[in-house]
PDB file of all heavy atoms in Angstrom:
ATOM      1  N   HIS A   1       0.908  -1.231   0.088  1.00  0.00           N
ATOM      2  CA  HIS A   1      -0.016  -0.029   0.039  1.00  0.00           C
ATOM      3  C   HIS A   1       0.843   1.301  -0.007  1.00  0.00           C
ATOM      4  O   HIS A   1       1.939   1.182   0.372  1.00  0.00           O
ATOM      5  CB  HIS A   1      -0.904   0.043   1.333  1.00  0.00           C
ATOM      6  CG  HIS A   1      -1.794  -1.086   1.334  1.00  0.00           C
ATOM      7  ND1 HIS A   1      -1.880  -1.859   2.527  1.00  0.00           N
ATOM      8  CD2 HIS A   1      -2.646  -1.722   0.464  1.00  0.00           C
ATOM      9  CE1 HIS A   1      -2.743  -2.931   2.266  1.00  0.00           C
ATOM     10  NE2 HIS A   1      -3.126  -2.865   1.110  1.00  0.00           N
ATOM     11  N   ILE A   2       0.207   2.304  -0.438  1.00  0.00           N
ATOM     12  CA  ILE A   2       0.869   3.614  -0.379  1.00  0.00           C
ATOM     13  C   ILE A   2      -0.056   4.492   0.593  1.00  0.00           C
ATOM     14  O   ILE A   2      -1.258   4.483   0.430  1.00  0.00           O
ATOM     15  CB  ILE A   2       0.983   4.338  -1.689  1.00  0.00           C
ATOM     16  CG1 ILE A   2       1.960   3.635  -2.696  1.00  0.00           C
ATOM     17  CG2 ILE A   2       1.476   5.823  -1.634  1.00  0.00           C
ATOM     18  CD1 ILE A   2       2.057   4.183  -4.057  1.00  0.00           C
ATOM     19  N   PHE A   3       0.452   5.156   1.468  1.00  0.00           N
ATOM     20  CA  PHE A   3      -0.250   6.039   2.463  1.00  0.00           C
ATOM     21  C   PHE A   3       0.024   7.466   2.173  1.00  0.00           C
ATOM     22  O   PHE A   3       1.182   7.862   2.274  1.00  0.00           O
ATOM     23  CB  PHE A   3       0.024   5.583   3.925  1.00  0.00           C
ATOM     24  CG  PHE A   3      -0.287   4.144   4.273  1.00  0.00           C
ATOM     25  CD1 PHE A   3       0.735   3.141   3.999  1.00  0.00           C
ATOM     26  CD2 PHE A   3      -1.397   3.710   4.751  1.00  0.00           C
ATOM     27  CE1 PHE A   3       0.406   1.761   4.363  1.00  0.00           C
ATOM     28  CE2 PHE A   3      -1.724   2.429   5.042  1.00  0.00           C
ATOM     29  CZ  PHE A   3      -0.849   1.492   4.818  1.00  0.00           C
ATOM     30  N   ALA A   4      -0.968   8.191   1.811  1.00  0.00           N
ATOM     31  CA  ALA A   4      -0.824   9.609   1.508  1.00  0.00           C
ATOM     32  C   ALA A   4      -1.309  10.491   2.526  1.00  0.00           C
ATOM     33  O   ALA A   4      -2.593  10.448   2.882  1.00  0.00           O
ATOM     34  CB  ALA A   4      -1.598   9.952   0.233  1.00  0.00           C
ATOM     35  N   VAL A   5      -0.444  11.135   3.333  1.00  0.00           N
ATOM     36  CA  VAL A   5      -0.799  12.059   4.464  1.00  0.00           C
ATOM     37  C   VAL A   5      -1.306  13.384   3.962  1.00  0.00           C
ATOM     38  O   VAL A   5      -0.422  14.135   3.458  1.00  0.00           O
ATOM     39  CB  VAL A   5       0.325  12.058   5.301  1.00  0.00           C
ATOM     40  CG1 VAL A   5      -0.084  12.855   6.641  1.00  0.00           C
ATOM     41  CG2 VAL A   5       0.821  10.699   5.760  1.00  0.00           C
ATOM     42  N   ILE A   6      -2.599  13.673   4.259  1.00  0.00           N
ATOM     43  CA  ILE A   6      -3.121  15.019   3.790  1.00  0.00           C
ATOM     44  C   ILE A   6      -3.306  15.787   4.962  1.00  0.00           C
ATOM     45  O   ILE A   6      -4.290  15.680   5.796  1.00  0.00           O
ATOM     46  CB  ILE A   6      -4.400  14.805   2.906  1.00  0.00           C
ATOM     47  CG1 ILE A   6      -4.223  13.704   1.958  1.00  0.00           C
ATOM     48  CG2 ILE A   6      -4.826  16.050   2.307  1.00  0.00           C
ATOM     49  CD1 ILE A   6      -3.044  13.836   0.928  1.00  0.00           C
ATOM     50  N   ASN A   7      -2.391  16.757   5.158  1.00  0.00           N
ATOM     51  CA  ASN A   7      -2.370  17.557   6.395  1.00  0.00           C
ATOM     52  C   ASN A   7      -3.635  18.266   6.828  1.00  0.00           C
ATOM     53  O   ASN A   7      -4.187  18.088   7.863  1.00  0.00           O
ATOM     54  CB  ASN A   7      -1.116  18.365   6.313  1.00  0.00           C
ATOM     55  CG  ASN A   7      -0.876  19.279   7.486  1.00  0.00           C
ATOM     56  OD1 ASN A   7      -1.271  20.491   7.529  1.00  0.00           O
ATOM     57  ND2 ASN A   7      -0.295  18.723   8.633  1.00  0.00           N
ATOM     58  N   ASN A   8      -3.974  19.344   5.956  1.00  0.00           N
ATOM     59  CA  ASN A   8      -5.075  20.166   6.377  1.00  0.00           C
ATOM     60  C   ASN A   8      -6.302  19.563   6.071  1.00  0.00           C
ATOM     61  O   ASN A   8      -7.424  20.133   6.603  1.00  0.00           O
ATOM     62  CB  ASN A   8      -4.867  21.425   5.581  1.00  0.00           C
ATOM     63  CG  ASN A   8      -5.669  22.565   6.259  1.00  0.00           C
ATOM     64  OD1 ASN A   8      -5.544  22.806   7.517  1.00  0.00           O
ATOM     65  ND2 ASN A   8      -6.445  23.492   5.525  1.00  0.00           N
ATOM     66  N   SER A   9      -6.414  18.390   5.437  1.00  0.00           N
ATOM     67  CA  SER A   9      -7.666  17.705   5.318  1.00  0.00           C
ATOM     68  C   SER A   9      -7.778  16.531   6.385  1.00  0.00           C
ATOM     69  O   SER A   9      -8.800  15.875   6.505  1.00  0.00           O
ATOM     70  CB  SER A   9      -7.763  16.932   3.986  1.00  0.00           C
ATOM     71  OG  SER A   9      -7.871  17.752   2.955  1.00  0.00           O
ATOM     72  N   SER A  10      -6.889  16.608   7.279  1.00  0.00           N
ATOM     73  CA  SER A  10      -6.906  15.797   8.492  1.00  0.00           C
ATOM     74  C   SER A  10      -7.091  14.301   8.230  1.00  0.00           C
ATOM     75  O   SER A  10      -7.852  13.619   9.065  1.00  0.00           O
ATOM     76  CB  SER A  10      -7.926  16.289   9.453  1.00  0.00           C
ATOM     77  OG  SER A  10      -7.705  17.569   9.722  1.00  0.00           O
ATOM     78  N   LYS A  11      -6.502  13.679   7.206  1.00  0.00           N
ATOM     79  CA  LYS A  11      -6.664  12.406   6.884  1.00  0.00           C
ATOM     80  C   LYS A  11      -5.511  11.706   6.169  1.00  0.00           C
ATOM     81  O   LYS A  11      -4.556  12.405   5.764  1.00  0.00           O
ATOM     82  CB  LYS A  11      -7.957  12.100   6.001  1.00  0.00           C
ATOM     83  CG  LYS A  11      -7.767  12.797   4.667  1.00  0.00           C
ATOM     84  CD  LYS A  11      -9.134  12.612   3.922  1.00  0.00           C
ATOM     85  CE  LYS A  11      -9.123  13.264   2.521  1.00  0.00           C
ATOM     86  NZ  LYS A  11     -10.325  13.161   1.839  1.00  0.00           N
ATOM     87  N   VAL A  12      -5.588  10.355   6.078  1.00  0.00           N
ATOM     88  CA  VAL A  12      -4.462   9.673   5.371  1.00  0.00           C
ATOM     89  C   VAL A  12      -5.322   8.722   4.335  1.00  0.00           C
ATOM     90  O   VAL A  12      -6.167   7.895   4.786  1.00  0.00           O
ATOM     91  CB  VAL A  12      -3.655   8.690   6.299  1.00  0.00           C
ATOM     92  CG1 VAL A  12      -2.733   7.909   5.464  1.00  0.00           C
ATOM     93  CG2 VAL A  12      -2.888   9.620   7.273  1.00  0.00           C
ATOM     94  N   TRP A  13      -4.958   8.802   3.015  1.00  0.00           N
ATOM     95  CA  TRP A  13      -5.573   7.961   2.026  1.00  0.00           C
ATOM     96  C   TRP A  13      -4.668   6.640   2.080  1.00  0.00           C
ATOM     97  O   TRP A  13      -3.463   6.601   2.066  1.00  0.00           O
ATOM     98  CB  TRP A  13      -5.397   8.571   0.599  1.00  0.00           C
ATOM     99  CG  TRP A  13      -6.404   9.694   0.310  1.00  0.00           C
ATOM    100  CD1 TRP A  13      -6.047  11.023   0.237  1.00  0.00           C
ATOM    101  CD2 TRP A  13      -7.743   9.664   0.097  1.00  0.00           C
ATOM    102  NE1 TRP A  13      -7.166  11.729  -0.054  1.00  0.00           N
ATOM    103  CE2 TRP A  13      -8.216  10.950  -0.117  1.00  0.00           C
ATOM    104  CE3 TRP A  13      -8.715   8.600   0.095  1.00  0.00           C
ATOM    105  CZ2 TRP A  13      -9.591  11.231  -0.470  1.00  0.00           C
ATOM    106  CZ3 TRP A  13     -10.108   8.887  -0.180  1.00  0.00           C
ATOM    107  CH2 TRP A  13     -10.446  10.227  -0.486  1.00  0.00           C
ATOM    108  N   VAL A  14      -5.398   5.457   1.915  1.00  0.00           N
ATOM    109  CA  VAL A  14      -4.819   4.129   1.785  1.00  0.00           C
ATOM    110  C   VAL A  14      -5.014   3.836   0.323  1.00  0.00           C
ATOM    111  O   VAL A  14      -6.079   3.692  -0.068  1.00  0.00           O
ATOM    112  CB  VAL A  14      -5.384   3.120   2.837  1.00  0.00           C
ATOM    113  CG1 VAL A  14      -4.658   1.926   2.596  1.00  0.00           C
ATOM    114  CG2 VAL A  14      -5.349   3.706   4.062  1.00  0.00           C
ATOM    115  N   LEU A  15      -3.881   3.626  -0.430  1.00  0.00           N
ATOM    116  CA  LEU A  15      -3.879   3.258  -1.841  1.00  0.00           C
ATOM    117  C   LEU A  15      -3.301   2.005  -2.244  1.00  0.00           C
ATOM    118  O   LEU A  15      -2.315   1.595  -1.639  1.00  0.00           O
ATOM    119  CB  LEU A  15      -3.150   4.446  -2.630  1.00  0.00           C
ATOM    120  CG  LEU A  15      -3.522   5.870  -2.235  1.00  0.00           C
ATOM    121  CD1 LEU A  15      -2.714   6.816  -2.954  1.00  0.00           C
ATOM    122  CD2 LEU A  15      -5.013   6.157  -2.747  1.00  0.00           C
ATOM    123  N   ASN A  16      -3.870   1.459  -3.265  1.00  0.00           N
ATOM    124  CA  ASN A  16      -3.262   0.148  -3.779  1.00  0.00           C
ATOM    125  C   ASN A  16      -2.080   0.434  -4.436  1.00  0.00           C
ATOM    126  O   ASN A  16      -1.963   1.324  -5.453  1.00  0.00           O
ATOM    127  CB  ASN A  16      -4.286  -0.584  -4.726  1.00  0.00           C
ATOM    128  CG  ASN A  16      -3.872  -1.944  -5.222  1.00  0.00           C
ATOM    129  OD1 ASN A  16      -2.725  -2.088  -5.605  1.00  0.00           O
ATOM    130  ND2 ASN A  16      -4.679  -2.874  -5.216  1.00  0.00           N
ATOM    131  N   LYS A  17      -0.875  -0.236  -4.177  1.00  0.00           N
ATOM    132  CA  LYS A  17       0.405   0.170  -4.709  1.00  0.00           C
ATOM    133  C   LYS A  17       0.570  -0.211  -6.109  1.00  0.00           C
ATOM    134  O   LYS A  17       1.235   0.301  -6.900  1.00  0.00           O
ATOM    135  CB  LYS A  17       1.435  -0.600  -3.835  1.00  0.00           C
ATOM    136  CG  LYS A  17       2.908  -0.093  -4.071  1.00  0.00           C
ATOM    137  CD  LYS A  17       3.839  -0.578  -3.067  1.00  0.00           C
ATOM    138  CE  LYS A  17       5.214  -0.033  -3.120  1.00  0.00           C
ATOM    139  NZ  LYS A  17       6.164  -0.654  -2.212  1.00  0.00           N
ATOM    140  N   ASN A  18      -0.343  -1.194  -6.615  1.00  0.00           N
ATOM    141  CA  ASN A  18      -0.201  -1.651  -7.935  1.00  0.00           C
ATOM    142  C   ASN A  18      -0.953  -0.786  -9.042  1.00  0.00           C
ATOM    143  O   ASN A  18      -0.407  -0.573 -10.224  1.00  0.00           O
ATOM    144  CB  ASN A  18      -0.776  -3.071  -8.195  1.00  0.00           C
ATOM    145  CG  ASN A  18       0.024  -4.146  -7.353  1.00  0.00           C
ATOM    146  OD1 ASN A  18       1.285  -4.033  -7.367  1.00  0.00           O
ATOM    147  ND2 ASN A  18      -0.561  -5.155  -6.767  1.00  0.00           N
ATOM    148  N   ASN A  19      -2.065  -0.152  -8.506  1.00  0.00           N
ATOM    149  CA  ASN A  19      -2.860   0.663  -9.537  1.00  0.00           C
ATOM    150  C   ASN A  19      -3.265   1.914  -9.080  1.00  0.00           C
ATOM    151  O   ASN A  19      -3.944   2.742  -9.676  1.00  0.00           O
ATOM    152  CB  ASN A  19      -4.125  -0.068 -10.015  1.00  0.00           C
ATOM    153  CG  ASN A  19      -4.931  -0.579  -8.827  1.00  0.00           C
ATOM    154  OD1 ASN A  19      -4.931   0.103  -7.642  1.00  0.00           O
ATOM    155  ND2 ASN A  19      -5.673  -1.708  -8.974  1.00  0.00           N
ATOM    156  N   PHE A  20      -2.894   2.315  -7.701  1.00  0.00           N
ATOM    157  CA  PHE A  20      -3.113   3.569  -7.079  1.00  0.00           C
ATOM    158  C   PHE A  20      -4.550   3.879  -6.897  1.00  0.00           C
ATOM    159  O   PHE A  20      -5.046   4.932  -6.533  1.00  0.00           O
ATOM    160  CB  PHE A  20      -2.599   4.804  -8.027  1.00  0.00           C
ATOM    161  CG  PHE A  20      -1.805   5.866  -7.146  1.00  0.00           C
ATOM    162  CD1 PHE A  20      -0.593   5.453  -6.702  1.00  0.00           C
ATOM    163  CD2 PHE A  20      -2.402   7.114  -6.987  1.00  0.00           C
ATOM    164  CE1 PHE A  20       0.039   6.502  -5.879  1.00  0.00           C
ATOM    165  CE2 PHE A  20      -1.716   8.051  -6.305  1.00  0.00           C
ATOM    166  CZ  PHE A  20      -0.452   7.667  -5.724  1.00  0.00           C
ATOM    167  N   GLN A  21      -5.368   2.879  -6.824  1.00  0.00           N
ATOM    168  CA  GLN A  21      -6.700   3.107  -6.462  1.00  0.00           C
ATOM    169  C   GLN A  21      -6.972   3.055  -4.970  1.00  0.00           C
ATOM    170  O   GLN A  21      -6.225   2.528  -4.186  1.00  0.00           O
ATOM    171  CB  GLN A  21      -7.699   1.843  -6.996  1.00  0.00           C
ATOM    172  CG  GLN A  21      -7.689   1.737  -8.497  1.00  0.00           C
ATOM    173  CD  GLN A  21      -8.482   0.588  -9.017  1.00  0.00           C
ATOM    174  OE1 GLN A  21      -8.992  -0.241  -8.230  1.00  0.00           O
ATOM    175  NE2 GLN A  21      -8.706   0.517 -10.302  1.00  0.00           N
ATOM    176  N   ILE A  22      -8.091   3.825  -4.495  1.00  0.00           N
ATOM    177  CA  ILE A  22      -8.362   4.011  -3.108  1.00  0.00           C
ATOM    178  C   ILE A  22      -8.792   2.738  -2.546  1.00  0.00           C
ATOM    179  O   ILE A  22      -9.581   2.062  -2.983  1.00  0.00           O
ATOM    180  CB  ILE A  22      -9.331   5.170  -2.919  1.00  0.00           C
ATOM    181  CG1 ILE A  22      -8.814   6.422  -3.364  1.00  0.00           C
ATOM    182  CG2 ILE A  22      -9.731   5.160  -1.508  1.00  0.00           C
ATOM    183  CD1 ILE A  22      -9.852   7.554  -3.429  1.00  0.00           C
ATOM    184  N   ILE A  23      -8.136   2.382  -1.493  1.00  0.00           N
ATOM    185  CA  ILE A  23      -8.661   1.244  -0.551  1.00  0.00           C
ATOM    186  C   ILE A  23      -9.496   1.687   0.595  1.00  0.00           C
ATOM    187  O   ILE A  23     -10.442   1.001   0.984  1.00  0.00           O
ATOM    188  CB  ILE A  23      -7.384   0.330  -0.104  1.00  0.00           C
ATOM    189  CG1 ILE A  23      -6.732  -0.216  -1.399  1.00  0.00           C
ATOM    190  CG2 ILE A  23      -7.890  -0.776   0.789  1.00  0.00           C
ATOM    191  CD1 ILE A  23      -5.444  -1.101  -1.055  1.00  0.00           C
ATOM    192  N   GLY A  24      -9.003   2.656   1.168  1.00  0.00           N
ATOM    193  CA  GLY A  24      -9.676   3.248   2.380  1.00  0.00           C
ATOM    194  C   GLY A  24      -8.935   4.563   2.830  1.00  0.00           C
ATOM    195  O   GLY A  24      -8.229   5.151   2.054  1.00  0.00           O
ATOM    196  N   GLN A  25      -9.458   5.014   3.939  1.00  0.00           N
ATOM    197  CA  GLN A  25      -8.809   6.169   4.521  1.00  0.00           C
ATOM    198  C   GLN A  25      -8.840   6.116   6.029  1.00  0.00           C
ATOM    199  O   GLN A  25      -9.747   5.552   6.596  1.00  0.00           O
ATOM    200  CB  GLN A  25      -9.461   7.616   3.904  1.00  0.00           C
ATOM    201  CG  GLN A  25     -11.015   7.576   4.209  1.00  0.00           C
ATOM    202  CD  GLN A  25     -11.491   8.871   3.486  1.00  0.00           C
ATOM    203  OE1 GLN A  25     -11.208   9.915   3.964  1.00  0.00           O
ATOM    204  NE2 GLN A  25     -12.428   8.637   2.541  1.00  0.00           N
ATOM    205  N   ILE A  26      -7.889   6.898   6.589  1.00  0.00           N
ATOM    206  CA  ILE A  26      -7.792   7.075   8.017  1.00  0.00           C
ATOM    207  C   ILE A  26      -8.151   8.409   8.459  1.00  0.00           C
ATOM    208  O   ILE A  26      -7.712   9.421   7.943  1.00  0.00           O
ATOM    209  CB  ILE A  26      -6.283   6.777   8.511  1.00  0.00           C
ATOM    210  CG1 ILE A  26      -5.873   5.385   7.996  1.00  0.00           C
ATOM    211  CG2 ILE A  26      -6.241   6.897  10.023  1.00  0.00           C
ATOM    212  CD1 ILE A  26      -4.491   5.114   8.101  1.00  0.00           C
ATOM    213  N   ASN A  27      -9.267   8.452   9.227  1.00  0.00           N
ATOM    214  CA  ASN A  27      -9.854   9.779   9.617  1.00  0.00           C
ATOM    215  C   ASN A  27      -9.634  10.072  11.080  1.00  0.00           C
ATOM    216  O   ASN A  27      -9.181   9.124  11.793  1.00  0.00           O
ATOM    217  CB  ASN A  27     -11.360   9.859   9.218  1.00  0.00           C
ATOM    218  CG  ASN A  27     -11.521   9.697   7.700  1.00  0.00           C
ATOM    219  OD1 ASN A  27     -11.020  10.467   7.020  1.00  0.00           O
ATOM    220  ND2 ASN A  27     -12.403   8.831   7.353  1.00  0.00           N
ATOM    221  N   GLY A  28     -10.093  11.249  11.559  1.00  0.00           N
ATOM    222  CA  GLY A  28     -10.047  11.513  12.959  1.00  0.00           C
ATOM    223  C   GLY A  28      -8.766  12.146  13.420  1.00  0.00           C
ATOM    224  O   GLY A  28      -8.507  12.323  14.706  1.00  0.00           O
ATOM    225  N   LEU A  29      -7.823  12.361  12.415  1.00  0.00           N
ATOM    226  CA  LEU A  29      -6.596  12.881  12.801  1.00  0.00           C
ATOM    227  C   LEU A  29      -6.699  14.462  12.820  1.00  0.00           C
ATOM    228  O   LEU A  29      -7.676  15.062  12.238  1.00  0.00           O
ATOM    229  CB  LEU A  29      -5.505  12.587  11.695  1.00  0.00           C
ATOM    230  CG  LEU A  29      -5.305  11.000  11.616  1.00  0.00           C
ATOM    231  CD1 LEU A  29      -4.570  10.701  10.304  1.00  0.00           C
ATOM    232  CD2 LEU A  29      -4.455  10.478  12.721  1.00  0.00           C
ATOM    233  N   ASN A  30      -5.724  15.100  13.591  1.00  0.00           N
ATOM    234  CA  ASN A  30      -5.893  16.589  13.762  1.00  0.00           C
ATOM    235  C   ASN A  30      -5.194  17.179  12.508  1.00  0.00           C
ATOM    236  O   ASN A  30      -5.721  17.799  11.610  1.00  0.00           O
ATOM    237  CB  ASN A  30      -5.305  16.942  15.069  1.00  0.00           C
ATOM    238  CG  ASN A  30      -5.415  18.466  15.342  1.00  0.00           C
ATOM    239  OD1 ASN A  30      -5.670  19.145  14.433  1.00  0.00           O
ATOM    240  ND2 ASN A  30      -5.200  18.813  16.588  1.00  0.00           N
ATOM    241  N   SER A  31      -3.847  17.230  12.597  1.00  0.00           N
ATOM    242  CA  SER A  31      -2.979  17.862  11.441  1.00  0.00           C
ATOM    243  C   SER A  31      -1.803  16.910  11.241  1.00  0.00           C
ATOM    244  O   SER A  31      -0.623  17.221  11.517  1.00  0.00           O
ATOM    245  CB  SER A  31      -2.510  19.216  11.940  1.00  0.00           C
ATOM    246  OG  SER A  31      -1.877  19.928  10.860  1.00  0.00           O
ATOM    247  N   PRO A  32      -2.082  15.809  10.551  1.00  0.00           N
ATOM    248  CA  PRO A  32      -1.095  14.707  10.427  1.00  0.00           C
ATOM    249  C   PRO A  32       0.090  15.115   9.598  1.00  0.00           C
ATOM    250  O   PRO A  32      -0.018  15.976   8.648  1.00  0.00           O
ATOM    251  CB  PRO A  32      -1.860  13.491   9.788  1.00  0.00           C
ATOM    252  CG  PRO A  32      -3.035  14.213   9.047  1.00  0.00           C
ATOM    253  CD  PRO A  32      -3.423  15.418   9.797  1.00  0.00           C
ATOM    254  N   ARG A  33       1.318  14.602   9.828  1.00  0.00           N
ATOM    255  CA  ARG A  33       2.517  15.008   9.144  1.00  0.00           C
ATOM    256  C   ARG A  33       3.267  13.804   8.435  1.00  0.00           C
ATOM    257  O   ARG A  33       3.419  13.863   7.249  1.00  0.00           O
ATOM    258  CB  ARG A  33       3.475  15.629  10.092  1.00  0.00           C
ATOM    259  CG  ARG A  33       2.955  16.940  10.841  1.00  0.00           C
ATOM    260  CD  ARG A  33       2.931  18.118   9.977  1.00  0.00           C
ATOM    261  NE  ARG A  33       4.308  18.458   9.529  1.00  0.00           N
ATOM    262  CZ  ARG A  33       4.617  19.467   8.668  1.00  0.00           C
ATOM    263  NH1 ARG A  33       3.554  20.215   8.096  1.00  0.00           N
ATOM    264  NH2 ARG A  33       5.821  19.781   8.326  1.00  0.00           N
ATOM    265  N   TYR A  34       3.602  12.804   9.220  1.00  0.00           N
ATOM    266  CA  TYR A  34       4.356  11.679   8.638  1.00  0.00           C
ATOM    267  C   TYR A  34       3.847  10.315   9.172  1.00  0.00           C
ATOM    268  O   TYR A  34       3.169  10.275  10.276  1.00  0.00           O
ATOM    269  CB  TYR A  34       5.810  11.761   8.999  1.00  0.00           C
ATOM    270  CG  TYR A  34       6.505  12.926   8.126  1.00  0.00           C
ATOM    271  CD1 TYR A  34       6.506  14.240   8.663  1.00  0.00           C
ATOM    272  CD2 TYR A  34       7.065  12.678   6.986  1.00  0.00           C
ATOM    273  CE1 TYR A  34       7.130  15.135   7.975  1.00  0.00           C
ATOM    274  CE2 TYR A  34       7.671  13.760   6.238  1.00  0.00           C
ATOM    275  CZ  TYR A  34       7.588  14.978   6.685  1.00  0.00           C
ATOM    276  OH  TYR A  34       8.245  15.978   6.004  1.00  0.00           O
ATOM    277  N   PHE A  35       3.978   9.307   8.399  1.00  0.00           N
ATOM    278  CA  PHE A  35       3.395   7.955   8.622  1.00  0.00           C
ATOM    279  C   PHE A  35       4.536   6.996   8.737  1.00  0.00           C
ATOM    280  O   PHE A  35       5.587   7.106   7.939  1.00  0.00           O
ATOM    281  CB  PHE A  35       2.529   7.682   7.470  1.00  0.00           C
ATOM    282  CG  PHE A  35       1.632   6.404   7.548  1.00  0.00           C
ATOM    283  CD1 PHE A  35       0.336   6.505   7.972  1.00  0.00           C
ATOM    284  CD2 PHE A  35       2.119   5.069   7.334  1.00  0.00           C
ATOM    285  CE1 PHE A  35      -0.405   5.364   8.138  1.00  0.00           C
ATOM    286  CE2 PHE A  35       1.416   4.048   7.456  1.00  0.00           C
ATOM    287  CZ  PHE A  35       0.088   4.136   7.782  1.00  0.00           C
ATOM    288  N   LEU A  36       4.462   5.946   9.641  1.00  0.00           N
ATOM    289  CA  LEU A  36       5.488   4.977   9.671  1.00  0.00           C
ATOM    290  C   LEU A  36       4.762   3.627  10.091  1.00  0.00           C
ATOM    291  O   LEU A  36       4.154   3.509  11.090  1.00  0.00           O
ATOM    292  CB  LEU A  36       6.544   5.243  10.776  1.00  0.00           C
ATOM    293  CG  LEU A  36       7.523   4.171  11.022  1.00  0.00           C
ATOM    294  CD1 LEU A  36       8.377   3.983   9.805  1.00  0.00           C
ATOM    295  CD2 LEU A  36       8.358   4.420  12.315  1.00  0.00           C
ATOM    296  N   GLN A  37       4.942   2.627   9.186  1.00  0.00           N
ATOM    297  CA  GLN A  37       4.283   1.282   9.471  1.00  0.00           C
ATOM    298  C   GLN A  37       5.463   0.410  10.107  1.00  0.00           C
ATOM    299  O   GLN A  37       6.598   0.439   9.571  1.00  0.00           O
ATOM    300  CB  GLN A  37       3.911   0.675   8.152  1.00  0.00           C
ATOM    301  CG  GLN A  37       3.218  -0.737   8.189  1.00  0.00           C
ATOM    302  CD  GLN A  37       2.705  -1.264   6.903  1.00  0.00           C
ATOM    303  OE1 GLN A  37       2.871  -0.659   5.881  1.00  0.00           O
ATOM    304  NE2 GLN A  37       2.200  -2.458   6.999  1.00  0.00           N
ATOM    305  N   THR A  38       5.054  -0.294  11.086  1.00  0.00           N
ATOM    306  CA  THR A  38       6.133  -1.062  11.993  1.00  0.00           C
ATOM    307  C   THR A  38       5.719  -2.560  11.848  1.00  0.00           C
ATOM    308  O   THR A  38       6.420  -3.348  12.473  1.00  0.00           O
ATOM    309  CB  THR A  38       6.236  -0.624  13.439  1.00  0.00           C
ATOM    310  OG1 THR A  38       4.952  -0.637  13.960  1.00  0.00           O
ATOM    311  CG2 THR A  38       6.733   0.836  13.431  1.00  0.00           C
ATOM    312  N   GLY A  39       4.568  -2.882  11.227  1.00  0.00           N
ATOM    313  CA  GLY A  39       4.212  -4.291  11.085  1.00  0.00           C
ATOM    314  C   GLY A  39       2.973  -4.427  10.169  1.00  0.00           C
ATOM    315  O   GLY A  39       2.627  -3.399   9.696  1.00  0.00           O
TER     316      GLY A  39
END
């Protein structure tokens, strides 16, 4: 997946790495900056 952090929209898009289509989104964030996956 590719995770796109959209700061002033307060969300992270979750995208399929093969075709860039939207899989989902992470909401409820304040002013997100950077993302790190650890597992």
